[in-house]
PDB file of N, CA and C in Angstrom:
ATOM      1  N   UNK A   1      47.803 -11.305  -3.047  1.00  0.00           N
ATOM      2  CA  UNK A   1      48.488 -12.409  -3.668  1.00  0.00           C
ATOM      3  C   UNK A   1      47.546 -13.612  -3.743  1.00  0.00           C
ATOM      4  N   UNK A   2      47.627 -14.372  -4.843  1.00  0.00           N
ATOM      5  CA  UNK A   2      46.756 -15.526  -5.059  1.00  0.00           C
ATOM      6  C   UNK A   2      47.254 -16.738  -4.277  1.00  0.00           C
ATOM      7  N   UNK A   3      46.304 -17.484  -3.760  1.00  0.00           N
ATOM      8  CA  UNK A   3      46.586 -18.760  -3.108  1.00  0.00           C
ATOM      9  C   UNK A   3      46.076 -19.841  -4.048  1.00  0.00           C
ATOM     10  N   UNK A   4      46.879 -20.859  -4.313  1.00  0.00           N
ATOM     11  CA  UNK A   4      46.496 -21.916  -5.230  1.00  0.00           C
ATOM     12  C   UNK A   4      46.310 -23.215  -4.460  1.00  0.00           C
ATOM     13  N   UNK A   5      45.172 -23.855  -4.690  1.00  0.00           N
ATOM     14  CA  UNK A   5      44.874 -25.148  -4.091  1.00  0.00           C
ATOM     15  C   UNK A   5      44.761 -26.149  -5.235  1.00  0.00           C
ATOM     16  N   UNK A   6      45.479 -27.260  -5.118  1.00  0.00           N
ATOM     17  CA  UNK A   6      45.369 -28.342  -6.102  1.00  0.00           C
ATOM     18  C   UNK A   6      44.427 -29.395  -5.539  1.00  0.00           C
ATOM     19  N   UNK A   7      43.381 -29.716  -6.294  1.00  0.00           N
ATOM     20  CA  UNK A   7      42.392 -30.692  -5.870  1.00  0.00           C
ATOM     21  C   UNK A   7      42.394 -31.845  -6.873  1.00  0.00           C
ATOM     22  N   UNK A   8      42.287 -33.090  -6.381  1.00  0.00           N
ATOM     23  CA  UNK A   8      42.326 -34.256  -7.261  1.00  0.00           C
ATOM     24  C   UNK A   8      41.186 -34.254  -8.274  1.00  0.00           C
ATOM     25  N   UNK A   9      40.000 -33.859  -7.875  1.00  0.00           N
ATOM     26  CA  UNK A   9      38.831 -33.879  -8.762  1.00  0.00           C
ATOM     27  C   UNK A   9      38.655 -32.577  -9.533  1.00  0.00           C
ATOM     28  N   UNK A  10      38.822 -31.463  -8.850  1.00  0.00           N
ATOM     29  CA  UNK A  10      38.543 -30.156  -9.451  1.00  0.00           C
ATOM     30  C   UNK A  10      39.734 -29.551 -10.185  1.00  0.00           C
ATOM     31  N   UNK A  11      40.929 -30.047  -9.911  1.00  0.00           N
ATOM     32  CA  UNK A  11      42.110 -29.456 -10.519  1.00  0.00           C
ATOM     33  C   UNK A  11      42.585 -28.266  -9.705  1.00  0.00           C
ATOM     34  N   UNK A  12      42.995 -27.242 -10.390  1.00  0.00           N
ATOM     35  CA  UNK A  12      43.548 -26.061  -9.729  1.00  0.00           C
ATOM     36  C   UNK A  12      42.435 -25.088  -9.339  1.00  0.00           C
ATOM     37  N   UNK A  13      42.496 -24.620  -8.099  1.00  0.00           N
ATOM     38  CA  UNK A  13      41.599 -23.569  -7.610  1.00  0.00           C
ATOM     39  C   UNK A  13      42.466 -22.377  -7.234  1.00  0.00           C
ATOM     40  N   UNK A  14      42.175 -21.236  -7.814  1.00  0.00           N
ATOM     41  CA  UNK A  14      42.937 -20.015  -7.546  1.00  0.00           C
ATOM     42  C   UNK A  14      42.083 -19.125  -6.653  1.00  0.00           C
ATOM     43  N   UNK A  15      42.567 -18.870  -5.439  1.00  0.00           N
ATOM     44  CA  UNK A  15      41.843 -18.060  -4.464  1.00  0.00           C
ATOM     45  C   UNK A  15      42.395 -16.635  -4.524  1.00  0.00           C
ATOM     46  N   UNK A  16      41.515 -15.679  -4.770  1.00  0.00           N
ATOM     47  CA  UNK A  16      41.914 -14.268  -4.860  1.00  0.00           C
ATOM     48  C   UNK A  16      41.091 -13.437  -3.890  1.00  0.00           C
ATOM     49  N   UNK A  17      41.762 -12.617  -3.133  1.00  0.00           N
ATOM     50  CA  UNK A  17      41.073 -11.692  -2.231  1.00  0.00           C
ATOM     51  C   UNK A  17      40.678 -10.463  -3.039  1.00  0.00           C
ATOM     52  N   UNK A  18      39.402 -10.112  -2.951  1.00  0.00           N
ATOM     53  CA  UNK A  18      38.888  -8.941  -3.661  1.00  0.00           C
ATOM     54  C   UNK A  18      38.222  -8.039  -2.624  1.00  0.00           C
ATOM     55  N   UNK A  19      38.720  -6.821  -2.486  1.00  0.00           N
ATOM     56  CA  UNK A  19      38.206  -5.905  -1.461  1.00  0.00           C
ATOM     57  C   UNK A  19      36.743  -5.526  -1.700  1.00  0.00           C
ATOM     58  N   UNK A  20      36.244  -5.689  -2.936  1.00  0.00           N
ATOM     59  CA  UNK A  20      34.848  -5.365  -3.238  1.00  0.00           C
ATOM     60  C   UNK A  20      33.906  -6.558  -3.046  1.00  0.00           C
ATOM     61  N   UNK A  21      34.475  -7.744  -2.857  1.00  0.00           N
ATOM     62  CA  UNK A  21      33.645  -8.947  -2.722  1.00  0.00           C
ATOM     63  C   UNK A  21      32.911  -8.938  -1.387  1.00  0.00           C
ATOM     64  N   UNK A  22      31.664  -9.386  -1.415  1.00  0.00           N
ATOM     65  CA  UNK A  22      30.859  -9.511  -0.191  1.00  0.00           C
ATOM     66  C   UNK A  22      30.595 -10.972   0.141  1.00  0.00           C
ATOM     67  N   UNK A  23      30.857 -11.842  -0.819  1.00  0.00           N
ATOM     68  CA  UNK A  23      30.685 -13.277  -0.602  1.00  0.00           C
ATOM     69  C   UNK A  23      31.681 -14.013  -1.500  1.00  0.00           C
ATOM     70  N   UNK A  24      31.746 -15.322  -1.345  1.00  0.00           N
ATOM     71  CA  UNK A  24      32.626 -16.117  -2.186  1.00  0.00           C
ATOM     72  C   UNK A  24      31.988 -16.270  -3.560  1.00  0.00           C
ATOM     73  N   UNK A  25      32.776 -16.033  -4.597  1.00  0.00           N
ATOM     74  CA  UNK A  25      32.299 -16.143  -5.973  1.00  0.00           C
ATOM     75  C   UNK A  25      33.204 -17.132  -6.701  1.00  0.00           C
ATOM     76  N   UNK A  26      32.592 -18.179  -7.280  1.00  0.00           N
ATOM     77  CA  UNK A  26      33.333 -19.201  -8.010  1.00  0.00           C
ATOM     78  C   UNK A  26      33.129 -18.991  -9.499  1.00  0.00           C
ATOM     79  N   UNK A  27      34.239 -18.953 -10.241  1.00  0.00           N
ATOM     80  CA  UNK A  27      34.184 -18.831 -11.702  1.00  0.00           C
ATOM     81  C   UNK A  27      34.994 -19.968 -12.299  1.00  0.00           C
ATOM     82  N   UNK A  28      34.340 -20.761 -13.118  1.00  0.00           N
ATOM     83  CA  UNK A  28      35.021 -21.896 -13.738  1.00  0.00           C
ATOM     84  C   UNK A  28      35.538 -21.480 -15.105  1.00  0.00           C
ATOM     85  N   UNK A  29      36.822 -21.651 -15.305  1.00  0.00           N
ATOM     86  CA  UNK A  29      37.450 -21.378 -16.597  1.00  0.00           C
ATOM     87  C   UNK A  29      38.202 -22.625 -17.029  1.00  0.00           C
ATOM     88  N   UNK A  30      38.736 -22.612 -18.236  1.00  0.00           N
ATOM     89  CA  UNK A  30      39.360 -23.814 -18.778  1.00  0.00           C
ATOM     90  C   UNK A  30      40.610 -24.231 -18.007  1.00  0.00           C
ATOM     91  N   UNK A  31      41.334 -23.283 -17.457  1.00  0.00           N
ATOM     92  CA  UNK A  31      42.584 -23.625 -16.775  1.00  0.00           C
ATOM     93  C   UNK A  31      42.437 -23.847 -15.273  1.00  0.00           C
ATOM     94  N   UNK A  32      41.388 -23.304 -14.657  1.00  0.00           N
ATOM     95  CA  UNK A  32      41.229 -23.412 -13.206  1.00  0.00           C
ATOM     96  C   UNK A  32      39.852 -22.922 -12.785  1.00  0.00           C
ATOM     97  N   UNK A  33      39.550 -23.147 -11.502  1.00  0.00           N
ATOM     98  CA  UNK A  33      38.368 -22.551 -10.877  1.00  0.00           C
ATOM     99  C   UNK A  33      38.888 -21.355 -10.091  1.00  0.00           C
ATOM    100  N   UNK A  34      38.373 -20.186 -10.399  1.00  0.00           N
ATOM    101  CA  UNK A  34      38.800 -18.967  -9.718  1.00  0.00           C
ATOM    102  C   UNK A  34      37.777 -18.631  -8.637  1.00  0.00           C
ATOM    103  N   UNK A  35      38.285 -18.365  -7.433  1.00  0.00           N
ATOM    104  CA  UNK A  35      37.426 -18.057  -6.295  1.00  0.00           C
ATOM    105  C   UNK A  35      37.791 -16.672  -5.797  1.00  0.00           C
ATOM    106  N   UNK A  36      36.846 -15.737  -5.873  1.00  0.00           N
ATOM    107  CA  UNK A  36      37.046 -14.402  -5.309  1.00  0.00           C
ATOM    108  C   UNK A  36      36.446 -14.401  -3.908  1.00  0.00           C
ATOM    109  N   UNK A  37      37.220 -13.925  -2.951  1.00  0.00           N
ATOM    110  CA  UNK A  37      36.766 -13.934  -1.561  1.00  0.00           C
ATOM    111  C   UNK A  37      36.916 -12.544  -0.959  1.00  0.00           C
ATOM    112  N   UNK A  38      36.050 -12.197  -0.024  1.00  0.00           N
ATOM    113  CA  UNK A  38      36.205 -10.906   0.657  1.00  0.00           C
ATOM    114  C   UNK A  38      37.400 -10.954   1.617  1.00  0.00           C
ATOM    115  N   UNK A  39      37.964  -9.798   1.928  1.00  0.00           N
ATOM    116  CA  UNK A  39      39.075  -9.763   2.877  1.00  0.00           C
ATOM    117  C   UNK A  39      38.657 -10.367   4.221  1.00  0.00           C
ATOM    118  N   UNK A  40      39.572 -11.070   4.841  1.00  0.00           N
ATOM    119  CA  UNK A  40      39.300 -11.665   6.146  1.00  0.00           C
ATOM    120  C   UNK A  40      38.747 -13.081   6.071  1.00  0.00           C
ATOM    121  N   UNK A  41      38.489 -13.584   4.855  1.00  0.00           N
ATOM    122  CA  UNK A  41      37.990 -14.948   4.710  1.00  0.00           C
ATOM    123  C   UNK A  41      39.128 -15.926   4.962  1.00  0.00           C
ATOM    124  N   UNK A  42      38.883 -16.912   5.805  1.00  0.00           N
ATOM    125  CA  UNK A  42      39.929 -17.884   6.134  1.00  0.00           C
ATOM    126  C   UNK A  42      39.963 -18.997   5.091  1.00  0.00           C
ATOM    127  N   UNK A  43      41.097 -19.669   5.009  1.00  0.00           N
ATOM    128  CA  UNK A  43      41.247 -20.793   4.103  1.00  0.00           C
ATOM    129  C   UNK A  43      40.293 -21.924   4.491  1.00  0.00           C
ATOM    130  N   UNK A  44      40.024 -22.062   5.770  1.00  0.00           N
ATOM    131  CA  UNK A  44      39.087 -23.074   6.251  1.00  0.00           C
ATOM    132  C   UNK A  44      37.683 -22.810   5.693  1.00  0.00           C
ATOM    133  N   UNK A  45      37.258 -21.541   5.678  1.00  0.00           N
ATOM    134  CA  UNK A  45      35.945 -21.181   5.127  1.00  0.00           C
ATOM    135  C   UNK A  45      35.879 -21.475   3.621  1.00  0.00           C
ATOM    136  N   UNK A  46      36.964 -21.188   2.926  1.00  0.00           N
ATOM    137  CA  UNK A  46      37.008 -21.436   1.483  1.00  0.00           C
ATOM    138  C   UNK A  46      36.919 -22.937   1.219  1.00  0.00           C
ATOM    139  N   UNK A  47      37.689 -23.727   1.967  1.00  0.00           N
ATOM    140  CA  UNK A  47      37.663 -25.181   1.773  1.00  0.00           C
ATOM    141  C   UNK A  47      36.290 -25.766   2.095  1.00  0.00           C
ATOM    142  N   UNK A  48      35.627 -25.228   3.113  1.00  0.00           N
ATOM    143  CA  UNK A  48      34.282 -25.695   3.451  1.00  0.00           C
ATOM    144  C   UNK A  48      33.297 -25.374   2.325  1.00  0.00           C
ATOM    145  N   UNK A  49      33.420 -24.187   1.737  1.00  0.00           N
ATOM    146  CA  UNK A  49      32.552 -23.809   0.619  1.00  0.00           C
ATOM    147  C   UNK A  49      32.819 -24.704  -0.591  1.00  0.00           C
ATOM    148  N   UNK A  50      34.071 -25.035  -0.825  1.00  0.00           N
ATOM    149  CA  UNK A  50      34.422 -25.925  -1.934  1.00  0.00           C
ATOM    150  C   UNK A  50      33.765 -27.288  -1.727  1.00  0.00           C
ATOM    151  N   UNK A  51      33.830 -27.810  -0.526  1.00  0.00           N
ATOM    152  CA  UNK A  51      33.208 -29.111  -0.248  1.00  0.00           C
ATOM    153  C   UNK A  51      31.692 -29.049  -0.410  1.00  0.00           C
ATOM    154  N   UNK A  52      31.082 -27.970   0.046  1.00  0.00           N
ATOM    155  CA  UNK A  52      29.630 -27.818  -0.082  1.00  0.00           C
ATOM    156  C   UNK A  52      29.185 -27.728  -1.543  1.00  0.00           C
ATOM    157  N   UNK A  53      30.031 -27.142  -2.395  1.00  0.00           N
ATOM    158  CA  UNK A  53      29.679 -26.913  -3.794  1.00  0.00           C
ATOM    159  C   UNK A  53      30.385 -27.878  -4.749  1.00  0.00           C
ATOM    160  N   UNK A  54      31.014 -28.900  -4.221  1.00  0.00           N
ATOM    161  CA  UNK A  54      31.834 -29.798  -5.040  1.00  0.00           C
ATOM    162  C   UNK A  54      31.062 -30.356  -6.248  1.00  0.00           C
ATOM    163  N   UNK A  55      29.864 -30.826  -6.043  1.00  0.00           N
ATOM    164  CA  UNK A  55      29.071 -31.387  -7.151  1.00  0.00           C
ATOM    165  C   UNK A  55      28.817 -30.375  -8.250  1.00  0.00           C
ATOM    166  N   UNK A  56      28.431 -29.175  -7.868  1.00  0.00           N
ATOM    167  CA  UNK A  56      28.164 -28.124  -8.856  1.00  0.00           C
ATOM    168  C   UNK A  56      29.444 -27.694  -9.564  1.00  0.00           C
ATOM    169  N   UNK A  57      30.543 -27.629  -8.814  1.00  0.00           N
ATOM    170  CA  UNK A  57      31.817 -27.236  -9.416  1.00  0.00           C
ATOM    171  C   UNK A  57      32.296 -28.298 -10.404  1.00  0.00           C
ATOM    172  N   UNK A  58      32.117 -29.568 -10.077  1.00  0.00           N
ATOM    173  CA  UNK A  58      32.496 -30.646 -10.994  1.00  0.00           C
ATOM    174  C   UNK A  58      31.666 -30.573 -12.279  1.00  0.00           C
ATOM    175  N   UNK A  59      30.371 -30.338 -12.128  1.00  0.00           N
ATOM    176  CA  UNK A  59      29.504 -30.213 -13.305  1.00  0.00           C
ATOM    177  C   UNK A  59      29.922 -29.027 -14.159  1.00  0.00           C
ATOM    178  N   UNK A  60      30.259 -27.939 -13.519  1.00  0.00           N
ATOM    179  CA  UNK A  60      30.681 -26.742 -14.234  1.00  0.00           C
ATOM    180  C   UNK A  60      32.004 -26.983 -14.962  1.00  0.00           C
ATOM    181  N   UNK A  61      32.926 -27.703 -14.332  1.00  0.00           N
ATOM    182  CA  UNK A  61      34.209 -28.028 -14.956  1.00  0.00           C
ATOM    183  C   UNK A  61      33.995 -28.912 -16.185  1.00  0.00           C
ATOM    184  N   UNK A  62      33.046 -29.838 -16.107  1.00  0.00           N
ATOM    185  CA  UNK A  62      32.797 -30.727 -17.238  1.00  0.00           C
ATOM    186  C   UNK A  62      32.201 -29.963 -18.414  1.00  0.00           C
ATOM    187  N   UNK A  63      31.384 -28.953 -18.138  1.00  0.00           N
ATOM    188  CA  UNK A  63      30.826 -28.135 -19.221  1.00  0.00           C
ATOM    189  C   UNK A  63      31.934 -27.382 -19.942  1.00  0.00           C
ATOM    190  N   UNK A  64      32.890 -26.886 -19.180  1.00  0.00           N
ATOM    191  CA  UNK A  64      33.983 -26.093 -19.742  1.00  0.00           C
ATOM    192  C   UNK A  64      34.940 -26.974 -20.538  1.00  0.00           C
ATOM    193  N   UNK A  65      35.124 -28.205 -20.131  1.00  0.00           N
ATOM    194  CA  UNK A  65      36.125 -29.089 -20.731  1.00  0.00           C
ATOM    195  C   UNK A  65      35.629 -29.718 -22.025  1.00  0.00           C
ATOM    196  N   UNK A  66      35.166 -28.928 -22.951  1.00  0.00           N
ATOM    197  CA  UNK A  66      34.721 -29.419 -24.246  1.00  0.00           C
ATOM    198  C   UNK A  66      35.933 -29.541 -25.169  1.00  0.00           C
ATOM    199  N   UNK A  67      35.951 -30.556 -26.008  1.00  0.00           N
ATOM    200  CA  UNK A  67      37.077 -30.673 -26.936  1.00  0.00           C
ATOM    201  C   UNK A  67      37.012 -29.574 -27.995  1.00  0.00           C
ATOM    202  N   UNK A  68      38.165 -29.091 -28.372  1.00  0.00           N
ATOM    203  CA  UNK A  68      38.239 -28.073 -29.418  1.00  0.00           C
ATOM    204  C   UNK A  68      38.069 -28.737 -30.778  1.00  0.00           C
ATOM    205  N   UNK A  69      37.504 -28.010 -31.718  1.00  0.00           N
ATOM    206  CA  UNK A  69      37.357 -28.533 -33.071  1.00  0.00           C
ATOM    207  C   UNK A  69      38.694 -28.399 -33.780  1.00  0.00           C
ATOM    208  N   UNK A  70      39.104 -29.477 -34.394  1.00  0.00           N
ATOM    209  CA  UNK A  70      40.334 -29.483 -35.164  1.00  0.00           C
ATOM    210  C   UNK A  70      40.171 -28.533 -36.357  1.00  0.00           C
ATOM    211  N   UNK A  71      41.222 -27.760 -36.674  1.00  0.00           N
ATOM    212  CA  UNK A  71      41.138 -26.833 -37.795  1.00  0.00           C
ATOM    213  C   UNK A  71      40.995 -27.560 -39.122  1.00  0.00           C
ATOM    214  N   UNK A  72      41.326 -28.836 -39.172  1.00  0.00           N
ATOM    215  CA  UNK A  72      41.173 -29.630 -40.382  1.00  0.00           C
ATOM    216  C   UNK A  72      39.845 -30.379 -40.416  1.00  0.00           C
ATOM    217  N   UNK A  73      38.913 -30.017 -39.541  1.00  0.00           N
ATOM    218  CA  UNK A  73      37.603 -30.666 -39.452  1.00  0.00           C
ATOM    219  C   UNK A  73      36.840 -30.487 -40.758  1.00  0.00           C
ATOM    220  N   UNK A  74      36.258 -31.567 -41.241  1.00  0.00           N
ATOM    221  CA  UNK A  74      35.476 -31.513 -42.477  1.00  0.00           C
ATOM    222  C   UNK A  74      34.138 -32.202 -42.246  1.00  0.00           C
ATOM    223  N   UNK A  75      33.122 -31.694 -42.883  1.00  0.00           N
ATOM    224  CA  UNK A  75      31.811 -32.332 -42.859  1.00  0.00           C
ATOM    225  C   UNK A  75      31.720 -33.197 -44.102  1.00  0.00           C
ATOM    226  N   UNK A  76      31.586 -34.476 -43.902  1.00  0.00           N
ATOM    227  CA  UNK A  76      31.491 -35.407 -45.019  1.00  0.00           C
ATOM    228  C   UNK A  76      30.025 -35.729 -45.254  1.00  0.00           C
ATOM    229  N   UNK A  77      29.446 -35.084 -46.262  1.00  0.00           N
ATOM    230  CA  UNK A  77      28.024 -35.263 -46.540  1.00  0.00           C
ATOM    231  C   UNK A  77      27.825 -35.694 -47.985  1.00  0.00           C
ATOM    232  N   UNK A  78      26.769 -36.407 -48.220  1.00  0.00           N
ATOM    233  CA  UNK A  78      26.428 -36.860 -49.554  1.00  0.00           C
ATOM    234  C   UNK A  78      25.610 -35.778 -50.246  1.00  0.00           C
ATOM    235  N   UNK A  79      26.286 -34.781 -50.813  1.00  0.00           N
ATOM    236  CA  UNK A  79      25.603 -33.625 -51.393  1.00  0.00           C
ATOM    237  C   UNK A  79      24.888 -33.966 -52.695  1.00  0.00           C
ATOM    238  N   UNK A  80      25.315 -35.004 -53.404  1.00  0.00           N
ATOM    239  CA  UNK A  80      24.692 -35.330 -54.679  1.00  0.00           C
ATOM    240  C   UNK A  80      23.230 -35.743 -54.514  1.00  0.00           C
ATOM    241  N   UNK A  81      22.896 -36.319 -53.372  1.00  0.00           N
ATOM    242  CA  UNK A  81      21.531 -36.794 -53.151  1.00  0.00           C
ATOM    243  C   UNK A  81      20.610 -35.748 -52.550  1.00  0.00           C
ATOM    244  N   UNK A  82      21.097 -34.559 -52.328  1.00  0.00           N
ATOM    245  CA  UNK A  82      20.271 -33.502 -51.751  1.00  0.00           C
ATOM    246  C   UNK A  82      19.554 -32.764 -52.882  1.00  0.00           C
ATOM    247  N   UNK A  83      18.240 -32.611 -52.767  1.00  0.00           N
ATOM    248  CA  UNK A  83      17.445 -32.013 -53.842  1.00  0.00           C
ATOM    249  C   UNK A  83      17.801 -30.545 -54.085  1.00  0.00           C
ATOM    250  N   UNK A  84      18.233 -29.839 -53.043  1.00  0.00           N
ATOM    251  CA  UNK A  84      18.536 -28.422 -53.205  1.00  0.00           C
ATOM    252  C   UNK A  84      19.868 -28.201 -53.899  1.00  0.00           C
ATOM    253  N   UNK A  85      20.696 -29.220 -54.055  1.00  0.00           N
ATOM    254  CA  UNK A  85      21.995 -29.051 -54.682  1.00  0.00           C
ATOM    255  C   UNK A  85      21.877 -28.838 -56.186  1.00  0.00           C
ATOM    256  N   UNK A  86      20.758 -29.245 -56.785  1.00  0.00           N
ATOM    257  CA  UNK A  86      20.603 -29.097 -58.226  1.00  0.00           C
ATOM    258  C   UNK A  86      20.417 -27.640 -58.642  1.00  0.00           C
ATOM    259  N   UNK A  87      20.079 -26.770 -57.711  1.00  0.00           N
ATOM    260  CA  UNK A  87      19.923 -25.345 -58.021  1.00  0.00           C
ATOM    261  C   UNK A  87      21.285 -24.689 -57.944  1.00  0.00           C
ATOM    262  N   UNK A  88      21.672 -24.005 -59.013  1.00  0.00           N
ATOM    263  CA  UNK A  88      23.041 -23.497 -59.091  1.00  0.00           C
ATOM    264  C   UNK A  88      23.233 -22.120 -58.478  1.00  0.00           C
ATOM    265  N   UNK A  89      22.261 -21.239 -58.621  1.00  0.00           N
ATOM    266  CA  UNK A  89      22.449 -19.878 -58.145  1.00  0.00           C
ATOM    267  C   UNK A  89      21.263 -19.455 -57.294  1.00  0.00           C
ATOM    268  N   UNK A  90      21.460 -18.395 -56.524  1.00  0.00           N
ATOM    269  CA  UNK A  90      20.371 -17.899 -55.689  1.00  0.00           C
ATOM    270  C   UNK A  90      19.224 -17.351 -56.536  1.00  0.00           C
ATOM    271  N   UNK A  91      19.532 -16.817 -57.722  1.00  0.00           N
ATOM    272  CA  UNK A  91      18.449 -16.316 -58.578  1.00  0.00           C
ATOM    273  C   UNK A  91      17.572 -17.465 -59.056  1.00  0.00           C
ATOM    274  N   UNK A  92      18.156 -18.625 -59.320  1.00  0.00           N
ATOM    275  CA  UNK A  92      17.361 -19.792 -59.697  1.00  0.00           C
ATOM    276  C   UNK A  92      16.487 -20.248 -58.537  1.00  0.00           C
ATOM    277  N   UNK A  93      17.018 -20.141 -57.345  1.00  0.00           N
ATOM    278  CA  UNK A  93      16.248 -20.542 -56.167  1.00  0.00           C
ATOM    279  C   UNK A  93      15.056 -19.615 -55.981  1.00  0.00           C
ATOM    280  N   UNK A  94      15.295 -18.316 -56.129  1.00  0.00           N
ATOM    281  CA  UNK A  94      14.263 -17.332 -55.827  1.00  0.00           C
ATOM    282  C   UNK A  94      13.249 -17.114 -56.940  1.00  0.00           C
ATOM    283  N   UNK A  95      13.537 -17.532 -58.169  1.00  0.00           N
ATOM    284  CA  UNK A  95      12.600 -17.255 -59.270  1.00  0.00           C
ATOM    285  C   UNK A  95      11.259 -17.962 -59.083  1.00  0.00           C
ATOM    286  N   UNK A  96      11.265 -19.091 -58.351  1.00  0.00           N
ATOM    287  CA  UNK A  96      10.022 -19.810 -58.106  1.00  0.00           C
ATOM    288  C   UNK A  96       9.227 -19.227 -56.940  1.00  0.00           C
ATOM    289  N   UNK A  97       9.764 -18.222 -56.265  1.00  0.00           N
ATOM    290  CA  UNK A  97       9.135 -17.700 -55.044  1.00  0.00           C
ATOM    291  C   UNK A  97       8.890 -16.193 -55.149  1.00  0.00           C
ATOM    292  N   UNK A  98       8.179 -15.749 -56.176  1.00  0.00           N
ATOM    293  CA  UNK A  98       7.991 -14.318 -56.378  1.00  0.00           C
ATOM    294  C   UNK A  98       6.707 -13.773 -55.770  1.00  0.00           C
ATOM    295  N   UNK A  99       5.624 -14.509 -55.765  1.00  0.00           N
ATOM    296  CA  UNK A  99       4.358 -14.006 -55.226  1.00  0.00           C
ATOM    297  C   UNK A  99       4.365 -14.108 -53.703  1.00  0.00           C
ATOM    298  N   UNK A 100       3.493 -13.333 -53.018  1.00  0.00           N
ATOM    299  CA  UNK A 100       3.448 -13.397 -51.551  1.00  0.00           C
ATOM    300  C   UNK A 100       3.186 -14.804 -51.017  1.00  0.00           C
ATOM    301  N   UNK A 101       2.298 -15.548 -51.682  1.00  0.00           N
ATOM    302  CA  UNK A 101       2.019 -16.902 -51.192  1.00  0.00           C
ATOM    303  C   UNK A 101       3.219 -17.825 -51.409  1.00  0.00           C
ATOM    304  N   UNK A 102       3.940 -17.617 -52.506  1.00  0.00           N
ATOM    305  CA  UNK A 102       5.097 -18.468 -52.747  1.00  0.00           C
ATOM    306  C   UNK A 102       6.270 -18.073 -51.841  1.00  0.00           C
ATOM    307  N   UNK A 103       6.320 -16.808 -51.407  1.00  0.00           N
ATOM    308  CA  UNK A 103       7.353 -16.417 -50.435  1.00  0.00           C
ATOM    309  C   UNK A 103       7.148 -17.142 -49.120  1.00  0.00           C
ATOM    310  N   UNK A 104       5.886 -17.308 -48.735  1.00  0.00           N
ATOM    311  CA  UNK A 104       5.579 -18.078 -47.531  1.00  0.00           C
ATOM    312  C   UNK A 104       5.993 -19.532 -47.726  1.00  0.00           C
ATOM    313  N   UNK A 105       5.707 -20.065 -48.927  1.00  0.00           N
ATOM    314  CA  UNK A 105       6.124 -21.431 -49.231  1.00  0.00           C
ATOM    315  C   UNK A 105       7.649 -21.563 -49.173  1.00  0.00           C
ATOM    316  N   UNK A 106       8.357 -20.523 -49.642  1.00  0.00           N
ATOM    317  CA  UNK A 106       9.823 -20.520 -49.578  1.00  0.00           C
ATOM    318  C   UNK A 106      10.305 -20.622 -48.135  1.00  0.00           C
ATOM    319  N   UNK A 107       9.686 -19.843 -47.239  1.00  0.00           N
ATOM    320  CA  UNK A 107      10.070 -19.896 -45.834  1.00  0.00           C
ATOM    321  C   UNK A 107       9.794 -21.268 -45.234  1.00  0.00           C
ATOM    322  N   UNK A 108       8.650 -21.842 -45.604  1.00  0.00           N
ATOM    323  CA  UNK A 108       8.320 -23.178 -45.103  1.00  0.00           C
ATOM    324  C   UNK A 108       9.298 -24.217 -45.640  1.00  0.00           C
ATOM    325  N   UNK A 109       9.618 -24.118 -46.950  1.00  0.00           N
ATOM    326  CA  UNK A 109      10.572 -25.053 -47.545  1.00  0.00           C
ATOM    327  C   UNK A 109      11.948 -24.919 -46.905  1.00  0.00           C
ATOM    328  N   UNK A 110      12.342 -23.695 -46.620  1.00  0.00           N
ATOM    329  CA  UNK A 110      13.631 -23.457 -45.975  1.00  0.00           C
ATOM    330  C   UNK A 110      13.658 -24.068 -44.589  1.00  0.00           C
ATOM    331  N   UNK A 111      12.563 -23.934 -43.850  1.00  0.00           N
ATOM    332  CA  UNK A 111      12.490 -24.524 -42.508  1.00  0.00           C
ATOM    333  C   UNK A 111      12.595 -26.045 -42.582  1.00  0.00           C
ATOM    334  N   UNK A 112      11.929 -26.651 -43.563  1.00  0.00           N
ATOM    335  CA  UNK A 112      12.007 -28.106 -43.740  1.00  0.00           C
ATOM    336  C   UNK A 112      13.423 -28.509 -44.103  1.00  0.00           C
ATOM    337  N   UNK A 113      14.034 -27.753 -45.010  1.00  0.00           N
ATOM    338  CA  UNK A 113      15.398 -28.040 -45.426  1.00  0.00           C
ATOM    339  C   UNK A 113      16.360 -27.972 -44.243  1.00  0.00           C
ATOM    340  N   UNK A 114      16.216 -26.928 -43.427  1.00  0.00           N
ATOM    341  CA  UNK A 114      17.104 -26.771 -42.263  1.00  0.00           C
ATOM    342  C   UNK A 114      16.904 -27.907 -41.265  1.00  0.00           C
ATOM    343  N   UNK A 115      15.676 -28.346 -41.060  1.00  0.00           N
ATOM    344  CA  UNK A 115      15.440 -29.457 -40.134  1.00  0.00           C
ATOM    345  C   UNK A 115      16.033 -30.747 -40.693  1.00  0.00           C
ATOM    346  N   UNK A 116      15.979 -30.936 -42.034  1.00  0.00           N
ATOM    347  CA  UNK A 116      16.607 -32.109 -42.646  1.00  0.00           C
ATOM    348  C   UNK A 116      18.124 -32.078 -42.449  1.00  0.00           C
ATOM    349  N   UNK A 117      18.714 -30.920 -42.614  1.00  0.00           N
ATOM    350  CA  UNK A 117      20.171 -30.775 -42.445  1.00  0.00           C
ATOM    351  C   UNK A 117      20.554 -31.067 -41.004  1.00  0.00           C
ATOM    352  N   UNK A 118      19.795 -30.528 -40.040  1.00  0.00           N
ATOM    353  CA  UNK A 118      20.104 -30.739 -38.622  1.00  0.00           C
ATOM    354  C   UNK A 118      19.961 -32.210 -38.217  1.00  0.00           C
ATOM    355  N   UNK A 119      19.015 -32.921 -38.833  1.00  0.00           N
ATOM    356  CA  UNK A 119      18.778 -34.308 -38.440  1.00  0.00           C
ATOM    357  C   UNK A 119      19.860 -35.250 -38.971  1.00  0.00           C
ATOM    358  N   UNK A 120      20.629 -34.799 -39.936  1.00  0.00           N
ATOM    359  CA  UNK A 120      21.696 -35.649 -40.475  1.00  0.00           C
ATOM    360  C   UNK A 120      22.928 -35.297 -39.748  1.00  0.00           C
TER     361      UNK A 120
END
């Protein structure tokens, strides 16, 4: 049976006894911190481990607590000013890159384009 500890900073900690466990294992999930413990582990030992690892557990909880993206999320970009927008189809894009040297130029141009997109 699970034992639940409510902590002011960490939130809910769910303690589970696992007969295969050889040590305490902490897993941070969005709803709680799950702690698997070997049989015979006392609550005092678990609480001591929590105190010893409090900083790491808090950091782990903050990583998990990322905001979800709204399904109505939109990227508002000024596409008219982007030079690549004037090309209408992929065949138009690729017609300038037929020779081996121009294929390399295409890869370089694509890398520049991607870095420009990432920087905005």
